[in-house]
C-alpha cells in the first residue's frame, strides 16, 4: 500500500503537469468551450476504465447529489481557466492553482471554525502574495486576462472540497465514481448551457467534430490524474499528496519554457516560487 500511494501521487503530479501544459495548445486552437468539452469528455475514459479495477456502487442518492453539484463547479472552472489560457501563458495561468490549498484552509477556519496556527497563516499569506506577483504584467499592472483563471480556481476549490469530502466519507464503495459522475454531469451541463444559450454554433460544432491528438492527450492525462488523486485519498496520503502536487506550477513553468518558449519576469518567477514553497509548506502543517 505504501508504494501504491506514492505511485498514485506521482501519477497525479505528472498527469496534471503534462496535461495542463498541453491544455495551452488546445485552448489556443479550439477556445475555452470546446477545450472544456474535450478535456472533460476524454477525461472520462480513464475513469471508466478504473471501474473494472475498483468496482463501485453508483446508486447512492447522497453520492449522486454531491457529484452533480461538484460537476457544476468543475465545468465552470474549466470554462473560466481555459478562457485565460486562450491568451495567457501556461506558466502564470496554472500558477494560480496554488490558491486551492490556501482557500481550503480558510474554508475550514471560517466555515468549519477550525483552528489555524501561525505557520499556516503565514503560508496562506505567502501563497496569495505569490499569486498576486504572478498576475502582475511586465508593465507592473494587474493582468486582467488572468481574472477568469482566478474565478475558475475558486470554482475548482468548491468542487474539490465536495469531491474529497465524498471520497473520504463513502470510501472505496464509490471512489473514482465521484469524479466519473462529476465529470459526466459537468460535461452534460456544459452542453445543455451551450444549446440553451444558442452558443453551440456551427463553428463550435465543427471544432468539436475535429479533435486532435493534443485534445485527446490532455483529456486522458486529466482523467488519469483524477484516478491517481482518488487512490491516494483512499489510502490516506492526502497530506503528502497535497504537498507533492503543489509543485505542479513549477513543473508547468519549466514545460512551458521547453515547449512554448514562455518566459516569466523576475517578479513573476519570484511569485511562482513563493506560492509553490508556501503551498507545499501549508500542505505539511
C-alpha atoms as a PDB file:
ATOM      1  CA  UNK A   1       0.000   0.000   0.000  1.00  0.00           C
ATOM      2  CA  UNK A   2       2.900   2.339   0.803  1.00  0.00           C
ATOM      3  CA  UNK A   3       4.343   2.095  -2.715  1.00  0.00           C
ATOM      4  CA  UNK A   4       0.919   2.251  -4.350  1.00  0.00           C
ATOM      5  CA  UNK A   5       0.204   5.523  -2.508  1.00  0.00           C
ATOM      6  CA  UNK A   6       3.408   7.155  -3.721  1.00  0.00           C
ATOM      7  CA  UNK A   7       2.934   5.848  -7.267  1.00  0.00           C
ATOM      8  CA  UNK A   8      -0.571   7.357  -7.246  1.00  0.00           C
ATOM      9  CA  UNK A   9       0.848  10.711  -6.099  1.00  0.00           C
ATOM     10  CA  UNK A  10       3.494  10.617  -8.845  1.00  0.00           C
ATOM     11  CA  UNK A  11       0.848   9.684 -11.440  1.00  0.00           C
ATOM     12  CA  UNK A  12      -1.304  12.614 -10.318  1.00  0.00           C
ATOM     13  CA  UNK A  13       1.544  15.144 -10.385  1.00  0.00           C
ATOM     14  CA  UNK A  14       2.931  14.148 -13.795  1.00  0.00           C
ATOM     15  CA  UNK A  15      -0.502  13.731 -15.406  1.00  0.00           C
ATOM     16  CA  UNK A  16      -1.713  17.137 -14.239  1.00  0.00           C
ATOM     17  CA  UNK A  17       1.592  18.816 -15.172  1.00  0.00           C
ATOM     18  CA  UNK A  18       1.773  17.472 -18.728  1.00  0.00           C
ATOM     19  CA  UNK A  19      -1.998  17.591 -19.269  1.00  0.00           C
ATOM     20  CA  UNK A  20      -2.274  21.211 -18.169  1.00  0.00           C
ATOM     21  CA  UNK A  21       0.734  22.207 -20.286  1.00  0.00           C
ATOM     22  CA  UNK A  22      -0.776  20.563 -23.380  1.00  0.00           C
ATOM     23  CA  UNK A  23      -4.047  22.294 -22.493  1.00  0.00           C
ATOM     24  CA  UNK A  24      -2.461  25.589 -23.538  1.00  0.00           C
ATOM     25  CA  UNK A  25      -2.187  24.334 -27.118  1.00  0.00           C
ATOM     26  CA  UNK A  26      -5.753  23.007 -27.009  1.00  0.00           C
ATOM     27  CA  UNK A  27      -7.252  26.265 -25.695  1.00  0.00           C
ATOM     28  CA  UNK A  28      -5.368  28.407 -28.218  1.00  0.00           C
ATOM     29  CA  UNK A  29      -6.624  26.269 -31.094  1.00  0.00           C
ATOM     30  CA  UNK A  30     -10.182  25.485 -30.018  1.00  0.00           C
ATOM     31  CA  UNK A  31     -11.214  28.170 -27.499  1.00  0.00           C
ATOM     32  CA  UNK A  32     -12.428  27.688 -23.948  1.00  0.00           C
ATOM     33  CA  UNK A  33     -15.797  25.977 -24.534  1.00  0.00           C
ATOM     34  CA  UNK A  34     -14.502  23.354 -26.953  1.00  0.00           C
ATOM     35  CA  UNK A  35     -11.414  22.814 -24.799  1.00  0.00           C
ATOM     36  CA  UNK A  36     -13.517  22.283 -21.679  1.00  0.00           C
ATOM     37  CA  UNK A  37     -15.720  19.765 -23.500  1.00  0.00           C
ATOM     38  CA  UNK A  38     -12.708  17.912 -24.929  1.00  0.00           C
ATOM     39  CA  UNK A  39     -10.861  17.712 -21.611  1.00  0.00           C
ATOM     40  CA  UNK A  40     -13.933  16.675 -19.638  1.00  0.00           C
ATOM     41  CA  UNK A  41     -15.135  14.226 -22.301  1.00  0.00           C
ATOM     42  CA  UNK A  42     -11.837  12.431 -22.939  1.00  0.00           C
ATOM     43  CA  UNK A  43     -11.091  12.590 -19.209  1.00  0.00           C
ATOM     44  CA  UNK A  44     -13.974  10.200 -18.583  1.00  0.00           C
ATOM     45  CA  UNK A  45     -12.146   7.349 -20.371  1.00  0.00           C
ATOM     46  CA  UNK A  46      -9.528   6.597 -17.639  1.00  0.00           C
ATOM     47  CA  UNK A  47     -12.268   6.934 -15.016  1.00  0.00           C
ATOM     48  CA  UNK A  48     -14.463   4.415 -16.841  1.00  0.00           C
ATOM     49  CA  UNK A  49     -11.515   2.012 -17.128  1.00  0.00           C
ATOM     50  CA  UNK A  50     -10.875   2.364 -13.370  1.00  0.00           C
ATOM     51  CA  UNK A  51     -14.324   0.889 -12.678  1.00  0.00           C
ATOM     52  CA  UNK A  52     -13.008  -2.514 -13.801  1.00  0.00           C
ATOM     53  CA  UNK A  53     -10.376  -2.391 -11.045  1.00  0.00           C
ATOM     54  CA  UNK A  54     -12.429  -0.598  -8.382  1.00  0.00           C
ATOM     55  CA  UNK A  55     -15.988  -1.989  -8.581  1.00  0.00           C
ATOM     56  CA  UNK A  56     -18.396   0.567  -7.176  1.00  0.00           C
ATOM     57  CA  UNK A  57     -21.997   1.143  -6.185  1.00  0.00           C
ATOM     58  CA  UNK A  58     -23.139   4.276  -8.039  1.00  0.00           C
ATOM     59  CA  UNK A  59     -26.760   4.295  -6.862  1.00  0.00           C
ATOM     60  CA  UNK A  60     -26.450   6.135  -3.540  1.00  0.00           C
ATOM     61  CA  UNK A  61     -28.525   9.341  -3.777  1.00  0.00           C
ATOM     62  CA  UNK A  62     -26.283  11.390  -1.467  1.00  0.00           C
ATOM     63  CA  UNK A  63     -23.272  10.373  -3.541  1.00  0.00           C
ATOM     64  CA  UNK A  64     -25.037  11.360  -6.764  1.00  0.00           C
ATOM     65  CA  UNK A  65     -26.087  14.750  -5.358  1.00  0.00           C
ATOM     66  CA  UNK A  66     -22.567  15.591  -4.175  1.00  0.00           C
ATOM     67  CA  UNK A  67     -21.109  14.503  -7.521  1.00  0.00           C
ATOM     68  CA  UNK A  68     -23.555  16.512  -9.627  1.00  0.00           C
ATOM     69  CA  UNK A  69     -23.026  19.714  -7.628  1.00  0.00           C
ATOM     70  CA  UNK A  70     -19.248  19.161  -7.796  1.00  0.00           C
ATOM     71  CA  UNK A  71     -19.615  18.600 -11.544  1.00  0.00           C
ATOM     72  CA  UNK A  72     -21.191  22.026 -11.958  1.00  0.00           C
ATOM     73  CA  UNK A  73     -18.249  23.759 -10.269  1.00  0.00           C
ATOM     74  CA  UNK A  74     -15.790  21.521 -12.130  1.00  0.00           C
ATOM     75  CA  UNK A  75     -17.213  22.512 -15.533  1.00  0.00           C
ATOM     76  CA  UNK A  76     -17.372  26.181 -14.524  1.00  0.00           C
ATOM     77  CA  UNK A  77     -13.707  26.049 -13.522  1.00  0.00           C
ATOM     78  CA  UNK A  78     -12.662  24.586 -16.866  1.00  0.00           C
ATOM     79  CA  UNK A  79     -14.537  27.243 -18.851  1.00  0.00           C
ATOM     80  CA  UNK A  80     -13.011  30.147 -16.910  1.00  0.00           C
ATOM     81  CA  UNK A  81      -9.452  28.792 -16.651  1.00  0.00           C
ATOM     82  CA  UNK A  82      -9.297  27.849 -20.322  1.00  0.00           C
ATOM     83  CA  UNK A  83     -10.560  31.344 -21.169  1.00  0.00           C
ATOM     84  CA  UNK A  84      -7.342  32.730 -19.648  1.00  0.00           C
ATOM     85  CA  UNK A  85      -5.270  30.017 -21.331  1.00  0.00           C
ATOM     86  CA  UNK A  86      -6.511  31.191 -24.747  1.00  0.00           C
ATOM     87  CA  UNK A  87      -4.266  34.255 -24.479  1.00  0.00           C
ATOM     88  CA  UNK A  88      -2.008  33.835 -21.453  1.00  0.00           C
ATOM     89  CA  UNK A  89       0.994  31.633 -20.762  1.00  0.00           C
ATOM     90  CA  UNK A  90       0.531  28.213 -19.217  1.00  0.00           C
ATOM     91  CA  UNK A  91       3.202  29.213 -16.677  1.00  0.00           C
ATOM     92  CA  UNK A  92       1.364  32.026 -14.928  1.00  0.00           C
ATOM     93  CA  UNK A  93      -2.160  30.720 -15.588  1.00  0.00           C
ATOM     94  CA  UNK A  94      -1.512  27.421 -13.791  1.00  0.00           C
ATOM     95  CA  UNK A  95       0.494  29.125 -11.038  1.00  0.00           C
ATOM     96  CA  UNK A  96      -2.866  30.369  -9.751  1.00  0.00           C
ATOM     97  CA  UNK A  97      -3.904  26.811  -8.898  1.00  0.00           C
ATOM     98  CA  UNK A  98      -1.930  27.082  -5.670  1.00  0.00           C
ATOM     99  CA  UNK A  99      -4.689  29.194  -4.173  1.00  0.00           C
ATOM    100  CA  UNK A 100      -6.551  25.881  -3.693  1.00  0.00           C
ATOM    101  CA  UNK A 101      -4.786  24.662  -0.509  1.00  0.00           C
ATOM    102  CA  UNK A 102      -4.865  28.163   0.966  1.00  0.00           C
ATOM    103  CA  UNK A 103      -8.559  28.570   0.154  1.00  0.00           C
ATOM    104  CA  UNK A 104      -9.350  25.162   1.688  1.00  0.00           C
ATOM    105  CA  UNK A 105      -7.639  26.148   4.941  1.00  0.00           C
ATOM    106  CA  UNK A 106      -9.592  29.412   5.002  1.00  0.00           C
ATOM    107  CA  UNK A 107     -12.810  27.474   4.371  1.00  0.00           C
ATOM    108  CA  UNK A 108     -12.014  25.274   7.345  1.00  0.00           C
ATOM    109  CA  UNK A 109     -11.258  28.290   9.516  1.00  0.00           C
ATOM    110  CA  UNK A 110     -14.244  30.486   8.687  1.00  0.00           C
ATOM    111  CA  UNK A 111     -16.933  27.951   7.779  1.00  0.00           C
ATOM    112  CA  UNK A 112     -15.980  24.932   9.870  1.00  0.00           C
ATOM    113  CA  UNK A 113     -14.487  27.012  12.735  1.00  0.00           C
ATOM    114  CA  UNK A 114     -11.213  25.061  12.642  1.00  0.00           C
ATOM    115  CA  UNK A 115      -8.078  26.415  14.311  1.00  0.00           C
ATOM    116  CA  UNK A 116      -5.402  27.964  12.071  1.00  0.00           C
ATOM    117  CA  UNK A 117      -1.918  28.180  13.567  1.00  0.00           C
ATOM    118  CA  UNK A 118       0.573  30.969  12.908  1.00  0.00           C
ATOM    119  CA  UNK A 119       2.604  28.902  10.411  1.00  0.00           C
ATOM    120  CA  UNK A 120      -0.495  28.161   8.364  1.00  0.00           C
ATOM    121  CA  UNK A 121      -1.456  31.829   8.438  1.00  0.00           C
ATOM    122  CA  UNK A 122       1.989  32.913   7.198  1.00  0.00           C
ATOM    123  CA  UNK A 123       1.901  30.278   4.452  1.00  0.00           C
ATOM    124  CA  UNK A 124      -1.576  31.392   3.339  1.00  0.00           C
ATOM    125  CA  UNK A 125      -0.395  34.999   3.118  1.00  0.00           C
ATOM    126  CA  UNK A 126       2.684  33.960   1.117  1.00  0.00           C
ATOM    127  CA  UNK A 127       0.565  31.890  -1.286  1.00  0.00           C
ATOM    128  CA  UNK A 128      -1.669  34.861  -2.054  1.00  0.00           C
ATOM    129  CA  UNK A 129       1.258  37.297  -2.284  1.00  0.00           C
ATOM    130  CA  UNK A 130       2.977  34.885  -4.682  1.00  0.00           C
ATOM    131  CA  UNK A 131      -0.170  34.525  -6.789  1.00  0.00           C
ATOM    132  CA  UNK A 132      -0.552  38.321  -6.874  1.00  0.00           C
ATOM    133  CA  UNK A 133       3.021  38.720  -8.134  1.00  0.00           C
ATOM    134  CA  UNK A 134       2.387  36.147 -10.875  1.00  0.00           C
ATOM    135  CA  UNK A 135      -0.578  38.209 -12.131  1.00  0.00           C
ATOM    136  CA  UNK A 136       1.497  41.401 -12.462  1.00  0.00           C
ATOM    137  CA  UNK A 137       2.279  42.181 -16.103  1.00  0.00           C
ATOM    138  CA  UNK A 138       5.582  43.432 -17.477  1.00  0.00           C
ATOM    139  CA  UNK A 139       4.153  46.938 -17.179  1.00  0.00           C
ATOM    140  CA  UNK A 140       3.590  46.358 -13.444  1.00  0.00           C
ATOM    141  CA  UNK A 141      -0.183  46.304 -13.835  1.00  0.00           C
ATOM    142  CA  UNK A 142      -2.667  43.622 -12.857  1.00  0.00           C
ATOM    143  CA  UNK A 143      -3.170  41.278 -15.805  1.00  0.00           C
ATOM    144  CA  UNK A 144      -6.944  41.378 -16.251  1.00  0.00           C
ATOM    145  CA  UNK A 145      -6.770  38.452 -18.680  1.00  0.00           C
ATOM    146  CA  UNK A 146      -5.894  36.204 -15.721  1.00  0.00           C
ATOM    147  CA  UNK A 147      -9.063  37.205 -13.841  1.00  0.00           C
ATOM    148  CA  UNK A 148     -11.084  34.304 -15.371  1.00  0.00           C
ATOM    149  CA  UNK A 149      -8.420  31.865 -14.149  1.00  0.00           C
ATOM    150  CA  UNK A 150      -8.790  33.239 -10.621  1.00  0.00           C
ATOM    151  CA  UNK A 151     -12.569  32.725 -10.773  1.00  0.00           C
ATOM    152  CA  UNK A 152     -12.057  29.255 -12.231  1.00  0.00           C
ATOM    153  CA  UNK A 153      -9.700  28.227  -9.458  1.00  0.00           C
ATOM    154  CA  UNK A 154     -12.182  29.337  -6.795  1.00  0.00           C
ATOM    155  CA  UNK A 155     -14.796  27.208  -8.551  1.00  0.00           C
ATOM    156  CA  UNK A 156     -12.399  24.237  -8.535  1.00  0.00           C
ATOM    157  CA  UNK A 157     -11.798  24.720  -4.807  1.00  0.00           C
ATOM    158  CA  UNK A 158     -15.529  24.245  -4.195  1.00  0.00           C
ATOM    159  CA  UNK A 159     -15.561  21.189  -6.463  1.00  0.00           C
ATOM    160  CA  UNK A 160     -12.506  19.684  -4.730  1.00  0.00           C
ATOM    161  CA  UNK A 161     -13.965  20.204  -1.261  1.00  0.00           C
ATOM    162  CA  UNK A 162     -17.113  18.329  -2.252  1.00  0.00           C
ATOM    163  CA  UNK A 163     -15.249  15.500  -4.001  1.00  0.00           C
ATOM    164  CA  UNK A 164     -12.636  14.937  -1.287  1.00  0.00           C
ATOM    165  CA  UNK A 165     -15.364  15.013   1.374  1.00  0.00           C
ATOM    166  CA  UNK A 166     -17.349  12.466  -0.631  1.00  0.00           C
ATOM    167  CA  UNK A 167     -14.422  10.123  -1.280  1.00  0.00           C
ATOM    168  CA  UNK A 168     -13.398  10.255   2.389  1.00  0.00           C
ATOM    169  CA  UNK A 169     -16.954   9.661   3.619  1.00  0.00           C
ATOM    170  CA  UNK A 170     -18.009   6.896   1.258  1.00  0.00           C
ATOM    171  CA  UNK A 171     -14.584   5.244   0.910  1.00  0.00           C
ATOM    172  CA  UNK A 172     -13.955   2.601  -1.765  1.00  0.00           C
ATOM    173  CA  UNK A 173     -17.656   1.897  -2.335  1.00  0.00           C
ATOM    174  CA  UNK A 174     -17.755   4.751  -4.861  1.00  0.00           C
ATOM    175  CA  UNK A 175     -14.175   6.173  -5.001  1.00  0.00           C
ATOM    176  CA  UNK A 176     -13.441   7.159  -8.633  1.00  0.00           C
ATOM    177  CA  UNK A 177     -17.180   7.182  -9.244  1.00  0.00           C
ATOM    178  CA  UNK A 178     -17.257  10.679  -7.739  1.00  0.00           C
ATOM    179  CA  UNK A 179     -15.006  12.081 -10.462  1.00  0.00           C
ATOM    180  CA  UNK A 180     -16.751   9.995 -13.115  1.00  0.00           C
ATOM    181  CA  UNK A 181     -20.248  11.243 -12.250  1.00  0.00           C
ATOM    182  CA  UNK A 182     -18.978  14.803 -11.615  1.00  0.00           C
ATOM    183  CA  UNK A 183     -17.154  14.868 -14.953  1.00  0.00           C
ATOM    184  CA  UNK A 184     -20.077  13.379 -16.869  1.00  0.00           C
ATOM    185  CA  UNK A 185     -22.668  15.674 -15.265  1.00  0.00           C
ATOM    186  CA  UNK A 186     -20.462  18.742 -15.757  1.00  0.00           C
ATOM    187  CA  UNK A 187     -19.928  17.741 -19.395  1.00  0.00           C
ATOM    188  CA  UNK A 188     -23.682  17.383 -19.975  1.00  0.00           C
ATOM    189  CA  UNK A 189     -24.456  20.625 -18.116  1.00  0.00           C
ATOM    190  CA  UNK A 190     -21.991  22.481 -20.317  1.00  0.00           C
ATOM    191  CA  UNK A 191     -23.572  21.086 -23.493  1.00  0.00           C
ATOM    192  CA  UNK A 192     -27.055  21.975 -22.181  1.00  0.00           C
ATOM    193  CA  UNK A 193     -25.868  25.532 -21.427  1.00  0.00           C
ATOM    194  CA  UNK A 194     -24.408  25.960 -24.915  1.00  0.00           C
ATOM    195  CA  UNK A 195     -27.633  24.702 -26.509  1.00  0.00           C
ATOM    196  CA  UNK A 196     -29.898  26.806 -24.271  1.00  0.00           C
ATOM    197  CA  UNK A 197     -27.914  29.997 -24.901  1.00  0.00           C
ATOM    198  CA  UNK A 198     -27.525  29.180 -28.620  1.00  0.00           C
ATOM    199  CA  UNK A 199     -23.741  29.280 -28.281  1.00  0.00           C
ATOM    200  CA  UNK A 200     -23.396  25.834 -29.839  1.00  0.00           C
ATOM    201  CA  UNK A 201     -22.756  27.482 -33.178  1.00  0.00           C
ATOM    202  CA  UNK A 202     -21.855  25.789 -36.458  1.00  0.00           C
ATOM    203  CA  UNK A 203     -18.241  26.862 -35.896  1.00  0.00           C
ATOM    204  CA  UNK A 204     -18.177  25.314 -32.422  1.00  0.00           C
ATOM    205  CA  UNK A 205     -19.775  22.090 -33.690  1.00  0.00           C
ATOM    206  CA  UNK A 206     -17.127  21.883 -36.413  1.00  0.00           C
ATOM    207  CA  UNK A 207     -14.379  22.290 -33.816  1.00  0.00           C
ATOM    208  CA  UNK A 208     -15.879  19.554 -31.656  1.00  0.00           C
ATOM    209  CA  UNK A 209     -16.077  17.256 -34.661  1.00  0.00           C
ATOM    210  CA  UNK A 210     -12.322  17.569 -35.257  1.00  0.00           C
ATOM    211  CA  UNK A 211     -10.452  16.859 -32.010  1.00  0.00           C
ATOM    212  CA  UNK A 212      -6.710  16.385 -32.390  1.00  0.00           C
ATOM    213  CA  UNK A 213      -4.003  14.445 -30.554  1.00  0.00           C
ATOM    214  CA  UNK A 214      -3.368  17.342 -28.158  1.00  0.00           C
ATOM    215  CA  UNK A 215      -7.038  17.445 -27.066  1.00  0.00           C
ATOM    216  CA  UNK A 216      -7.110  13.657 -26.632  1.00  0.00           C
ATOM    217  CA  UNK A 217      -3.821  13.632 -24.700  1.00  0.00           C
ATOM    218  CA  UNK A 218      -4.807  16.482 -22.386  1.00  0.00           C
ATOM    219  CA  UNK A 219      -8.151  14.835 -21.625  1.00  0.00           C
ATOM    220  CA  UNK A 220      -6.685  11.375 -20.975  1.00  0.00           C
ATOM    221  CA  UNK A 221      -3.951  12.814 -18.738  1.00  0.00           C
ATOM    222  CA  UNK A 222      -6.509  14.826 -16.793  1.00  0.00           C
ATOM    223  CA  UNK A 223      -8.642  11.748 -16.225  1.00  0.00           C
ATOM    224  CA  UNK A 224      -5.594   9.704 -15.189  1.00  0.00           C
ATOM    225  CA  UNK A 225      -4.693  12.425 -12.684  1.00  0.00           C
ATOM    226  CA  UNK A 226      -8.139  12.153 -11.104  1.00  0.00           C
ATOM    227  CA  UNK A 227      -7.752   8.378 -10.816  1.00  0.00           C
ATOM    228  CA  UNK A 228      -4.393   8.858  -9.067  1.00  0.00           C
ATOM    229  CA  UNK A 229      -5.826  11.546  -6.785  1.00  0.00           C
ATOM    230  CA  UNK A 230      -8.692   9.259  -5.774  1.00  0.00           C
ATOM    231  CA  UNK A 231      -6.305   6.409  -4.946  1.00  0.00           C
ATOM    232  CA  UNK A 232      -4.034   8.460  -2.697  1.00  0.00           C
ATOM    233  CA  UNK A 233      -7.051   9.993  -0.912  1.00  0.00           C
ATOM    234  CA  UNK A 234      -8.416   6.478  -0.295  1.00  0.00           C
ATOM    235  CA  UNK A 235      -5.020   5.357   1.064  1.00  0.00           C
ATOM    236  CA  UNK A 236      -4.895   8.396   3.407  1.00  0.00           C
ATOM    237  CA  UNK A 237      -1.937  10.016   1.639  1.00  0.00           C
ATOM    238  CA  UNK A 238      -3.742  13.366   1.440  1.00  0.00           C
ATOM    239  CA  UNK A 239      -1.103  15.408   3.314  1.00  0.00           C
ATOM    240  CA  UNK A 240       1.904  14.096   1.404  1.00  0.00           C
ATOM    241  CA  UNK A 241      -0.042  14.033  -1.866  1.00  0.00           C
ATOM    242  CA  UNK A 242      -1.161  17.646  -1.473  1.00  0.00           C
ATOM    243  CA  UNK A 243       2.414  18.738  -0.761  1.00  0.00           C
ATOM    244  CA  UNK A 244       3.847  16.930  -3.784  1.00  0.00           C
ATOM    245  CA  UNK A 245       1.140  18.017  -6.231  1.00  0.00           C
ATOM    246  CA  UNK A 246       1.582  21.646  -5.101  1.00  0.00           C
ATOM    247  CA  UNK A 247       4.853  21.537  -7.072  1.00  0.00           C
ATOM    248  CA  UNK A 248       2.857  21.311 -10.329  1.00  0.00           C
ATOM    249  CA  UNK A 249       3.063  25.050 -11.247  1.00  0.00           C
ATOM    250  CA  UNK A 250       6.873  24.903 -11.114  1.00  0.00           C
ATOM    251  CA  UNK A 251       6.899  21.886 -13.458  1.00  0.00           C
ATOM    252  CA  UNK A 252       4.410  23.587 -15.801  1.00  0.00           C
ATOM    253  CA  UNK A 253       6.642  26.698 -15.864  1.00  0.00           C
ATOM    254  CA  UNK A 254       9.582  24.521 -16.951  1.00  0.00           C
ATOM    255  CA  UNK A 255       7.480  22.674 -19.549  1.00  0.00           C
ATOM    256  CA  UNK A 256       6.032  25.982 -20.772  1.00  0.00           C
ATOM    257  CA  UNK A 257       9.549  27.249 -21.420  1.00  0.00           C
ATOM    258  CA  UNK A 258      10.601  23.971 -23.087  1.00  0.00           C
ATOM    259  CA  UNK A 259       7.521  23.614 -25.322  1.00  0.00           C
ATOM    260  CA  UNK A 260       6.324  27.190 -25.911  1.00  0.00           C
ATOM    261  CA  UNK A 261       9.412  29.297 -25.067  1.00  0.00           C
ATOM    262  CA  UNK A 262       7.394  31.030 -22.346  1.00  0.00           C
ATOM    263  CA  UNK A 263       9.273  33.422 -20.104  1.00  0.00           C
ATOM    264  CA  UNK A 264       8.330  34.922 -16.760  1.00  0.00           C
ATOM    265  CA  UNK A 265       9.591  38.233 -15.446  1.00  0.00           C
ATOM    266  CA  UNK A 266      11.824  38.087 -12.373  1.00  0.00           C
ATOM    267  CA  UNK A 267       8.864  39.328 -10.321  1.00  0.00           C
ATOM    268  CA  UNK A 268       6.538  36.641 -11.707  1.00  0.00           C
ATOM    269  CA  UNK A 269       9.174  33.949 -11.216  1.00  0.00           C
ATOM    270  CA  UNK A 270       9.659  35.044  -7.601  1.00  0.00           C
ATOM    271  CA  UNK A 271       5.891  34.933  -7.090  1.00  0.00           C
ATOM    272  CA  UNK A 272       5.665  31.470  -8.640  1.00  0.00           C
ATOM    273  CA  UNK A 273       8.387  30.045  -6.395  1.00  0.00           C
ATOM    274  CA  UNK A 274       6.928  31.778  -3.334  1.00  0.00           C
ATOM    275  CA  UNK A 275       3.464  30.320  -3.950  1.00  0.00           C
ATOM    276  CA  UNK A 276       4.848  26.826  -4.613  1.00  0.00           C
ATOM    277  CA  UNK A 277       7.023  26.765  -1.481  1.00  0.00           C
ATOM    278  CA  UNK A 278       4.231  28.214   0.656  1.00  0.00           C
ATOM    279  CA  UNK A 279       1.675  25.738  -0.743  1.00  0.00           C
ATOM    280  CA  UNK A 280       4.000  22.788  -0.044  1.00  0.00           C
ATOM    281  CA  UNK A 281       4.628  24.068   3.492  1.00  0.00           C
ATOM    282  CA  UNK A 282       0.905  24.630   4.005  1.00  0.00           C
ATOM    283  CA  UNK A 283       0.167  21.047   2.985  1.00  0.00           C
ATOM    284  CA  UNK A 284       2.634  19.718   5.563  1.00  0.00           C
ATOM    285  CA  UNK A 285       1.478  21.733   8.595  1.00  0.00           C
END
